[in-house]
Amino acid sequence: MSTNHSRREFLKQACCGAVTAPYIIATGFPGIVPPSRRITLACIGTGLQGSWDTRQFLHDPRVQIVAACDVDLKRAKTMAAVIDDHYSKQSSSGQYKGCEVTQDFRELIVRNDIDAVLIATPDHMHGVIAVMAARSGKDIYCEKPLASTVAEGRAIVETVKRYGRVLQTGTQRRSGATFRHGCELVRNGRIGKLNTVRIGPGRGFHIQGDFTGHESQQSVPPDFNYDLWLGPAPWVAYTPGRCHFNFRWILDYSEGYISDNGVHFVDLGTWGMGTDLTGPEHIDGTAVFPTSGFYDAPTDFSITYTYANGLRLINSSSETFGVRFEGNDGWIHLSGGDVTASSDSILRSEIGPGDIHLRSGAPVHQADFIDCVLSRQLPAAHAEIGHRTASVCHLGFISCRLGRPLKWDPALEIFPDDMSANRMLSRAMRTPWNI
């Protein structure tokens, strides 16, 4: 029996109450679980979102984080110090130095003693890392959007399926009871017949630092592996305003707010619509693109998607932040953590035994992932959902970029008789990268 399998079987039994104290604590998680019996996790990408995800996993006693990886070595070392400090406090000696530090995720992918990986890199690296990890037998928690193109997303889905892996997409609102209840109210007709869903992800650029997008080339810092940061993206000279958080505003790596915040609210919107495992049939998008500087993602946009059942989903920089469901008897709006409605009676409505009940799991998205690593069940935002959600964003971007409406076949995942649009379903990759 493999070491990985032994760990999973032990923890699965522990979670089901099949072992004696002290392994069970009130939360249902194993308590004092020996490190050798925990799910071993490597964290790839330790920036803003990656460090937050890592801390969530640190507080799950079923997990042992064994590596911190970032192309920015300073970031990786900082995260490793946090991890070592956490485990030191659990050690009888008060010391722990077991977290490996590396800049190259490939060193971790090939390790047989690692069960799962967290992928919290810039968007353009998600596809190559996720596919490599699945082929190497790793379960995957991948930050949103799942992939940077429709083709990469489909490749992730099929690879995860082929190798029997568990993948959770980091659209964490799916695990929140407030958001689930809001979507259940919509699905059960509390606002009448649903007709339109409006999404407001933000507008312009939320640039971190004093960058303008017109900075000149600079020397690459000695602790930063810029070539690996670029990965499959086109080669371009280094300047600090291009990297870390601000990759979001550059089309070589992302699509701006269309798929940054947009993917969170598309996820909730399609969940409430009941269309999260399919896609639209018609897309009509317009956008304003900057004409100078390296921040070239759209600053203003409006995209209307029409589904086979006649529902419309609108993703627009001019809409109020969040997602708003509109029916013929009222509306419901979900934002950062609040739910509002056209009347209090809608919010007070209970979901009865005979109503539609959406999937519920652990209230912490990362814990739901570990639950499913152990049970081998589908998590809240599994690969197909993550792919379909991201695809909606990508399709809208393609329509905006081409400046015209598009027809889409959600079953075949092609634009019928539209070669120019179909070419944008994937991106060329810089040698030696491929999927």
Protein backbone atom coordinates (compact mmCIF):
# COMPACT_ATOMS: atom_id res chain seq x y z
CA MET A 1 0.00 0.00 0.00
CA SER A 2 1.35 3.44 -0.93
CA THR A 3 2.16 6.04 1.72
CA ASN A 4 -0.28 8.49 0.12
CA HIS A 5 -3.09 5.95 0.15
CA SER A 6 -2.36 5.04 3.77
CA ARG A 7 -2.64 8.66 4.87
CA ARG A 8 -5.93 9.14 3.08
CA GLU A 9 -7.44 5.95 4.46
CA PHE A 10 -6.38 6.84 8.01
CA LEU A 11 -7.87 10.31 7.82
CA LYS A 12 -11.04 9.11 6.14
CA GLN A 13 -11.60 6.72 9.03
CA ALA A 14 -10.80 9.46 11.53
CA CYS A 15 -13.32 11.84 10.02
CA CYS A 16 -15.97 9.12 10.13
CA GLY A 17 -15.31 8.42 13.79
CA ALA A 18 -13.65 5.06 13.19
CA VAL A 19 -10.68 5.78 15.43
CA THR A 20 -10.55 6.64 19.09
CA ALA A 21 -9.60 9.88 20.86
CA PRO A 22 -7.56 12.01 20.71
CA TYR A 23 -8.00 12.00 16.90
CA ILE A 24 -11.51 13.47 16.90
CA ILE A 25 -12.27 17.03 17.85
CA ALA A 26 -15.56 18.89 18.00
CA THR A 27 -15.34 20.24 14.46
CA GLY A 28 -15.29 16.73 12.97
CA PHE A 29 -11.66 17.17 11.87
CA PRO A 30 -8.99 14.88 13.30
CA GLY A 31 -7.26 16.59 16.20
CA ILE A 32 -3.75 15.49 17.05
CA VAL A 33 -2.94 13.80 13.77
CA PRO A 34 0.69 12.73 13.37
CA PRO A 35 2.40 14.55 10.47
CA SER A 36 3.03 11.20 8.77
CA ARG A 37 -0.74 10.66 8.57
CA ARG A 38 -1.71 14.07 7.22
CA ILE A 39 -2.48 15.07 3.64
CA THR A 40 0.79 16.57 2.42
CA LEU A 41 0.36 19.83 0.53
CA ALA A 42 2.74 21.97 -1.52
CA CYS A 43 1.83 25.64 -1.99
CA ILE A 44 2.72 27.02 -5.42
CA GLY A 45 2.40 30.80 -5.49
CA THR A 46 2.68 32.60 -2.15
CA GLY A 47 1.57 36.12 -3.00
CA LEU A 48 -1.54 37.88 -1.73
CA GLN A 49 -4.10 35.17 -2.52
CA GLY A 50 -1.68 32.29 -2.16
CA SER A 51 -0.67 33.31 1.35
CA TRP A 52 -4.33 33.61 2.36
CA ASP A 53 -5.12 30.15 0.98
CA THR A 54 -2.04 28.72 2.70
CA ARG A 55 -3.16 30.06 6.06
CA GLN A 56 -6.55 28.42 5.60
CA PHE A 57 -4.85 25.08 5.01
CA LEU A 58 -2.51 25.64 7.96
CA HIS A 59 -5.50 25.68 10.30
CA ASP A 60 -6.76 22.31 9.04
CA PRO A 61 -5.18 19.63 11.29
CA ARG A 62 -5.60 17.04 8.53
CA VAL A 63 -3.03 18.89 6.38
CA GLN A 64 0.76 19.08 6.55
CA ILE A 65 2.24 21.79 4.34
CA VAL A 66 5.64 20.59 3.20
CA ALA A 67 6.74 23.16 0.63
CA ALA A 68 6.40 26.83 -0.30
CA CYS A 69 7.13 27.67 -3.91
CA ASP A 70 7.29 31.05 -5.61
CA VAL A 71 9.36 32.46 -8.44
CA ASP A 72 10.01 35.34 -6.04
CA LEU A 73 12.32 33.61 -3.56
CA LYS A 74 11.73 36.25 -0.87
CA ARG A 75 8.01 35.50 -0.92
CA ALA A 76 8.58 31.76 -0.71
CA LYS A 77 10.94 32.16 2.26
CA THR A 78 8.50 34.47 4.05
CA MET A 79 5.68 31.96 3.64
CA ALA A 80 7.91 29.06 4.71
CA ALA A 81 8.79 30.95 7.89
CA VAL A 82 5.07 31.32 8.69
CA ILE A 83 4.54 27.61 8.07
CA ASP A 84 7.52 26.54 10.18
CA ASP A 85 6.44 28.85 12.99
CA HIS A 86 2.95 27.34 12.97
CA TYR A 87 4.25 23.78 13.24
CA SER A 88 6.90 24.76 15.79
CA LYS A 89 4.13 25.71 18.17
CA GLN A 90 2.71 22.20 17.80
CA SER A 91 6.07 20.50 18.35
CA SER A 92 7.14 19.28 21.78
CA SER A 93 10.59 20.76 21.13
CA GLY A 94 9.16 24.10 20.01
CA GLN A 95 11.17 23.84 16.80
CA TYR A 96 10.30 22.90 13.22
CA LYS A 97 12.17 23.44 9.97
CA GLY A 98 10.42 21.03 7.62
CA CYS A 99 9.00 23.34 4.95
CA GLU A 100 11.01 23.20 1.72
CA VAL A 101 11.55 26.42 -0.23
CA THR A 102 11.86 26.44 -4.01
CA GLN A 103 11.27 28.70 -6.99
CA ASP A 104 10.45 25.91 -9.45
CA PHE A 105 7.10 24.14 -9.08
CA ARG A 106 8.34 21.26 -11.23
CA GLU A 107 10.57 20.10 -8.39
CA LEU A 108 7.43 19.54 -6.31
CA ILE A 109 5.26 18.02 -9.03
CA VAL A 110 7.57 15.01 -9.34
CA ARG A 111 7.71 14.26 -5.61
CA ASN A 112 5.83 11.10 -4.63
CA ASP A 113 5.48 12.20 -1.00
CA ILE A 114 3.21 15.14 -1.90
CA ASP A 115 -0.52 14.39 -2.09
CA ALA A 116 -1.91 17.73 -3.24
CA VAL A 117 -0.92 21.15 -4.53
CA LEU A 118 -2.28 24.64 -4.12
CA ILE A 119 -1.93 26.67 -7.33
CA ALA A 120 -2.10 30.41 -6.67
CA THR A 121 0.05 31.74 -9.49
CA PRO A 122 -0.94 34.32 -12.12
CA ASP A 123 -3.72 33.05 -14.39
CA HIS A 124 -1.54 32.19 -17.38
CA MET A 125 0.30 29.50 -15.37
CA HIS A 126 -2.78 27.67 -14.04
CA GLY A 127 -3.22 25.38 -17.03
CA VAL A 128 0.32 24.05 -17.35
CA ILE A 129 0.72 23.49 -13.60
CA ALA A 130 -2.70 21.88 -13.10
CA VAL A 131 -2.26 19.45 -16.00
CA MET A 132 1.25 18.48 -14.87
CA ALA A 133 0.04 18.01 -11.29
CA ALA A 134 -2.91 15.81 -12.31
CA ARG A 135 -0.70 13.64 -14.49
CA SER A 136 1.63 13.20 -11.52
CA GLY A 137 -1.18 11.98 -9.28
CA LYS A 138 -1.70 15.16 -7.28
CA ASP A 139 -5.05 16.52 -6.13
CA ILE A 140 -5.40 20.21 -6.87
CA TYR A 141 -6.77 23.37 -5.29
CA CYS A 142 -6.48 25.91 -8.11
CA GLU A 143 -7.23 29.57 -7.71
CA LYS A 144 -9.70 31.25 -10.06
CA PRO A 145 -10.05 31.51 -12.96
CA LEU A 146 -9.33 27.84 -13.52
CA ALA A 147 -7.56 28.55 -16.81
CA SER A 148 -6.70 31.48 -19.06
CA THR A 149 -8.40 30.04 -22.16
CA VAL A 150 -11.31 27.75 -22.99
CA ALA A 151 -8.97 25.13 -24.46
CA GLU A 152 -6.76 25.05 -21.37
CA GLY A 153 -9.81 24.69 -19.14
CA ARG A 154 -11.09 21.73 -21.12
CA ALA A 155 -7.62 20.14 -20.98
CA ILE A 156 -7.62 20.47 -17.19
CA VAL A 157 -11.07 18.89 -16.91
CA GLU A 158 -10.16 15.93 -19.09
CA THR A 159 -6.79 15.35 -17.41
CA VAL A 160 -8.30 15.47 -13.93
CA LYS A 161 -10.95 13.00 -15.04
CA ARG A 162 -8.48 10.66 -16.73
CA TYR A 163 -6.18 10.46 -13.72
CA GLY A 164 -8.94 10.32 -11.11
CA ARG A 165 -7.91 13.51 -9.31
CA VAL A 166 -9.89 15.87 -7.08
CA LEU A 167 -9.82 19.52 -8.13
CA GLN A 168 -11.37 22.48 -6.34
CA THR A 169 -11.53 25.86 -8.09
CA GLY A 170 -10.95 28.84 -5.79
CA THR A 171 -14.36 30.46 -6.27
CA GLN A 172 -14.84 30.28 -2.51
CA ARG A 173 -18.26 31.93 -2.34
CA ARG A 174 -19.69 28.54 -3.38
CA SER A 175 -18.94 27.28 0.12
CA GLY A 176 -20.64 30.23 1.85
CA ALA A 177 -24.06 29.53 3.35
CA THR A 178 -25.24 33.09 2.66
CA PHE A 179 -24.53 32.86 -1.06
CA ARG A 180 -25.95 29.35 -1.32
CA HIS A 181 -29.18 30.45 0.37
CA GLY A 182 -29.47 33.41 -1.99
CA CYS A 183 -29.13 31.13 -5.01
CA GLU A 184 -31.63 28.68 -3.51
CA LEU A 185 -34.17 31.49 -3.14
CA VAL A 186 -33.75 32.25 -6.83
CA ARG A 187 -33.91 28.60 -7.91
CA ASN A 188 -37.09 28.08 -5.90
CA GLY A 189 -38.94 31.00 -7.46
CA ARG A 190 -38.96 33.41 -4.52
CA ILE A 191 -38.48 36.32 -6.95
CA GLY A 192 -40.85 34.82 -9.50
CA LYS A 193 -39.71 33.80 -12.94
CA LEU A 194 -36.04 34.73 -13.35
CA ASN A 195 -35.28 36.70 -16.49
CA THR A 196 -32.00 38.63 -16.05
CA VAL A 197 -28.81 38.32 -14.00
CA ARG A 198 -26.55 41.38 -13.72
CA ILE A 199 -22.89 41.18 -12.71
CA GLY A 200 -20.72 44.10 -11.61
CA PRO A 201 -17.08 43.03 -11.21
CA GLY A 202 -15.46 46.49 -11.17
CA ARG A 203 -14.03 48.87 -13.74
CA GLY A 204 -10.67 50.28 -14.73
CA PHE A 205 -7.51 49.03 -13.04
CA HIS A 206 -6.82 48.65 -9.33
CA ILE A 207 -3.06 48.99 -9.71
CA GLN A 208 -0.91 48.21 -6.67
CA GLY A 209 2.06 50.54 -6.39
CA ASP A 210 2.89 53.76 -8.21
CA PHE A 211 3.00 52.17 -11.66
CA THR A 212 1.56 53.75 -14.79
CA GLY A 213 2.12 51.01 -17.37
CA HIS A 214 4.73 53.12 -19.16
CA GLU A 215 7.78 52.10 -17.11
CA SER A 216 10.93 51.13 -18.99
CA GLN A 217 12.96 47.92 -18.82
CA GLN A 218 14.79 47.18 -15.58
CA SER A 219 17.23 44.54 -14.37
CA VAL A 220 15.64 41.40 -13.00
CA PRO A 221 16.14 41.13 -9.21
CA PRO A 222 18.57 38.33 -8.26
CA ASP A 223 15.93 36.43 -6.23
CA PHE A 224 13.27 36.57 -8.95
CA ASN A 225 13.04 33.90 -11.68
CA TYR A 226 11.45 36.08 -14.34
CA ASP A 227 11.72 33.51 -17.13
CA LEU A 228 9.73 31.02 -15.06
CA TRP A 229 7.25 33.76 -14.09
CA LEU A 230 6.58 34.36 -17.80
CA GLY A 231 6.20 30.63 -18.39
CA PRO A 232 4.25 30.05 -21.62
CA ALA A 233 3.57 33.78 -22.16
CA PRO A 234 5.48 35.76 -24.81
CA TRP A 235 8.92 37.03 -23.89
CA VAL A 236 9.02 40.70 -22.92
CA ALA A 237 11.60 42.71 -21.00
CA TYR A 238 11.19 42.84 -17.22
CA THR A 239 9.72 45.77 -15.35
CA PRO A 240 8.29 45.36 -11.83
CA GLY A 241 4.88 46.84 -12.65
CA ARG A 242 4.21 43.88 -14.92
CA CYS A 243 4.47 41.23 -12.21
CA HIS A 244 2.77 40.06 -9.03
CA PHE A 245 -0.67 41.57 -8.38
CA ASN A 246 -0.70 43.79 -11.49
CA PHE A 247 -0.57 40.92 -13.98
CA ARG A 248 -4.37 41.21 -13.93
CA TRP A 249 -4.33 44.26 -16.16
CA ILE A 250 -2.15 42.74 -18.93
CA LEU A 251 -3.69 40.65 -21.71
CA ASP A 252 -0.73 38.28 -22.01
CA TYR A 253 -1.66 36.99 -18.53
CA SER A 254 -5.29 37.87 -17.80
CA GLU A 255 -8.44 39.68 -19.02
CA GLY A 256 -8.84 42.42 -16.43
CA TYR A 257 -12.00 42.54 -14.35
CA ILE A 258 -13.94 40.49 -16.93
CA SER A 259 -12.40 37.31 -15.50
CA ASP A 260 -10.77 38.56 -12.29
CA ASN A 261 -13.67 39.55 -10.06
CA GLY A 262 -16.00 38.61 -12.88
CA VAL A 263 -15.46 34.89 -12.45
CA HIS A 264 -16.66 35.00 -8.83
CA PHE A 265 -20.00 36.53 -9.75
CA VAL A 266 -20.44 34.55 -12.95
CA ASP A 267 -20.06 31.49 -10.73
CA LEU A 268 -22.85 32.64 -8.41
CA GLY A 269 -24.96 33.91 -11.28
CA THR A 270 -24.92 30.67 -13.24
CA TRP A 271 -25.44 28.69 -10.00
CA GLY A 272 -28.63 30.64 -9.36
CA MET A 273 -29.64 30.28 -13.02
CA GLY A 274 -29.02 26.52 -13.01
CA THR A 275 -26.67 26.87 -16.01
CA ASP A 276 -23.33 26.24 -14.31
CA LEU A 277 -22.65 23.04 -16.28
CA THR A 278 -23.38 24.49 -19.69
CA GLY A 279 -22.85 27.84 -21.42
CA PRO A 280 -24.57 30.59 -23.36
CA GLU A 281 -25.61 30.34 -27.01
CA HIS A 282 -25.12 33.99 -27.88
CA ILE A 283 -22.58 36.56 -26.67
CA ASP A 284 -22.56 40.26 -27.47
CA GLY A 285 -19.75 42.30 -25.91
CA THR A 286 -18.25 45.74 -26.28
CA ALA A 287 -15.23 47.13 -24.44
CA VAL A 288 -12.78 50.01 -24.24
CA PHE A 289 -9.12 48.96 -24.49
CA PRO A 290 -6.20 51.24 -23.58
CA THR A 291 -4.20 52.43 -26.57
CA SER A 292 -0.81 52.86 -24.86
CA GLY A 293 1.21 51.28 -22.07
CA PHE A 294 1.51 47.65 -21.03
CA TYR A 295 -1.72 47.70 -19.00
CA ASP A 296 -3.91 46.77 -21.95
CA ALA A 297 -6.88 44.86 -20.50
CA PRO A 298 -10.33 46.41 -21.02
CA THR A 299 -11.18 49.25 -18.64
CA ASP A 300 -14.90 49.45 -19.47
CA PHE A 301 -17.03 46.67 -20.89
CA SER A 302 -20.56 45.39 -21.26
CA ILE A 303 -21.26 41.79 -22.24
CA THR A 304 -24.70 40.22 -22.67
CA TYR A 305 -25.00 36.43 -22.72
CA THR A 306 -28.19 34.69 -23.81
CA TYR A 307 -28.88 31.09 -22.82
CA ALA A 308 -30.99 28.42 -24.49
CA ASN A 309 -33.79 28.95 -21.97
CA GLY A 310 -33.93 32.66 -22.77
CA LEU A 311 -32.18 33.88 -19.62
CA ARG A 312 -29.82 36.81 -19.97
CA LEU A 313 -26.63 37.30 -18.01
CA ILE A 314 -25.00 40.74 -18.20
CA ASN A 315 -21.39 41.27 -17.12
CA SER A 316 -20.69 45.00 -17.13
CA SER A 317 -18.25 47.42 -15.56
CA SER A 318 -21.16 49.85 -15.06
CA GLU A 319 -23.26 47.48 -12.93
CA THR A 320 -23.31 47.60 -9.12
CA PHE A 321 -20.62 45.41 -7.55
CA GLY A 322 -21.85 41.84 -7.06
CA VAL A 323 -24.56 39.80 -8.75
CA ARG A 324 -28.25 40.77 -9.00
CA PHE A 325 -30.99 38.30 -9.91
CA GLU A 326 -34.11 39.90 -11.41
CA GLY A 327 -37.46 38.14 -11.63
CA ASN A 328 -41.00 39.24 -12.38
CA ASP A 329 -41.80 39.34 -8.63
CA GLY A 330 -38.64 40.96 -7.24
CA TRP A 331 -34.87 40.84 -7.07
CA ILE A 332 -32.00 39.51 -4.94
CA HIS A 333 -28.50 41.03 -4.80
CA LEU A 334 -25.37 39.23 -3.54
CA SER A 335 -22.16 41.19 -3.01
CA GLY A 336 -19.08 40.83 -0.81
CA GLY A 337 -20.89 39.06 2.01
CA ASP A 338 -24.34 40.60 2.07
CA VAL A 339 -27.68 39.59 0.62
CA THR A 340 -30.35 42.20 -0.07
CA ALA A 341 -33.71 41.84 -1.79
CA SER A 342 -36.63 43.86 -3.05
CA SER A 343 -38.58 42.84 0.06
CA ASP A 344 -37.73 41.43 3.48
CA SER A 345 -40.24 38.64 2.98
CA ILE A 346 -38.02 37.17 0.26
CA LEU A 347 -35.05 36.96 2.62
CA ARG A 348 -37.18 35.50 5.42
CA SER A 349 -38.44 32.74 3.17
CA GLU A 350 -37.27 29.29 4.23
CA ILE A 351 -36.16 26.55 1.88
CA GLY A 352 -38.51 23.65 2.63
CA PRO A 353 -38.00 19.89 2.36
CA GLY A 354 -39.62 19.79 -1.06
CA ASP A 355 -37.64 22.70 -2.47
CA ILE A 356 -34.41 22.65 -4.47
CA HIS A 357 -31.43 22.33 -2.12
CA LEU A 358 -28.03 23.20 -3.57
CA ARG A 359 -24.89 21.35 -2.56
CA SER A 360 -23.63 22.20 0.90
CA GLY A 361 -20.34 21.18 2.45
CA ALA A 362 -17.71 22.59 4.77
CA PRO A 363 -18.16 26.37 5.20
CA VAL A 364 -14.46 26.88 4.47
CA HIS A 365 -13.70 26.25 0.79
CA GLN A 366 -10.25 24.82 1.48
CA ALA A 367 -11.70 22.42 4.08
CA ASP A 368 -14.29 21.27 1.54
CA PHE A 369 -11.40 20.41 -0.77
CA ILE A 370 -9.70 18.30 1.92
CA ASP A 371 -13.01 16.60 2.70
CA CYS A 372 -13.16 15.53 -0.94
CA VAL A 373 -9.51 14.51 -1.12
CA LEU A 374 -10.44 12.02 1.60
CA SER A 375 -13.86 10.95 0.30
CA ARG A 376 -12.96 11.15 -3.44
CA GLN A 377 -16.25 12.97 -4.05
CA LEU A 378 -16.69 16.07 -6.20
CA PRO A 379 -15.99 19.33 -4.32
CA ALA A 380 -18.15 22.45 -4.39
CA ALA A 381 -16.37 24.03 -7.39
CA HIS A 382 -15.09 20.96 -9.19
CA ALA A 383 -13.19 21.09 -12.48
CA GLU A 384 -16.17 21.14 -14.84
CA ILE A 385 -17.84 23.95 -12.90
CA GLY A 386 -14.60 25.91 -12.70
CA HIS A 387 -14.07 25.46 -16.43
CA ARG A 388 -17.61 26.44 -17.41
CA THR A 389 -17.50 29.52 -15.18
CA ALA A 390 -14.17 30.72 -16.56
CA SER A 391 -15.33 29.96 -20.11
CA VAL A 392 -18.22 32.41 -19.79
CA CYS A 393 -15.67 35.12 -18.99
CA HIS A 394 -13.36 34.10 -21.84
CA LEU A 395 -16.21 34.04 -24.36
CA GLY A 396 -17.21 37.54 -23.34
CA PHE A 397 -13.64 38.75 -23.72
CA ILE A 398 -13.39 37.24 -27.21
CA SER A 399 -16.57 39.04 -28.28
CA CYS A 400 -15.19 42.30 -26.89
CA ARG A 401 -11.85 41.80 -28.59
CA LEU A 402 -13.41 41.03 -31.96
CA GLY A 403 -15.97 43.79 -31.51
CA ARG A 404 -18.94 41.75 -32.68
CA PRO A 405 -21.63 39.30 -31.47
CA LEU A 406 -20.83 35.59 -31.44
CA LYS A 407 -22.77 32.34 -31.55
CA TRP A 408 -21.56 29.55 -29.26
CA ASP A 409 -22.20 25.82 -29.10
CA PRO A 410 -21.86 24.94 -25.39
CA ALA A 411 -21.87 21.19 -26.05
CA LEU A 412 -19.08 21.19 -28.64
CA GLU A 413 -17.39 24.30 -27.18
CA ILE A 414 -16.87 25.96 -30.53
CA PHE A 415 -18.05 29.04 -32.38
CA PRO A 416 -19.91 27.48 -35.36
CA ASP A 417 -18.46 28.55 -38.71
CA ASP A 418 -16.30 31.27 -37.13
CA MET A 419 -12.60 30.53 -37.62
CA SER A 420 -11.33 33.85 -36.31
CA ALA A 421 -13.22 33.44 -33.03
CA ASN A 422 -12.23 29.78 -32.68
CA ARG A 423 -8.56 30.72 -32.97
CA MET A 424 -8.97 32.72 -29.76
CA LEU A 425 -10.08 29.68 -27.75
CA SER A 426 -6.40 28.89 -27.16
CA ARG A 427 -3.10 30.73 -27.03
CA ALA A 428 0.29 29.90 -28.50
CA MET A 429 2.80 28.87 -25.84
CA ARG A 430 6.42 29.89 -25.66
CA THR A 431 8.90 27.03 -26.04
CA PRO A 432 9.27 24.64 -24.20
CA TRP A 433 5.85 24.98 -22.56
CA ASN A 434 2.86 22.91 -23.65
CA ILE A 435 -0.21 21.12 -22.36
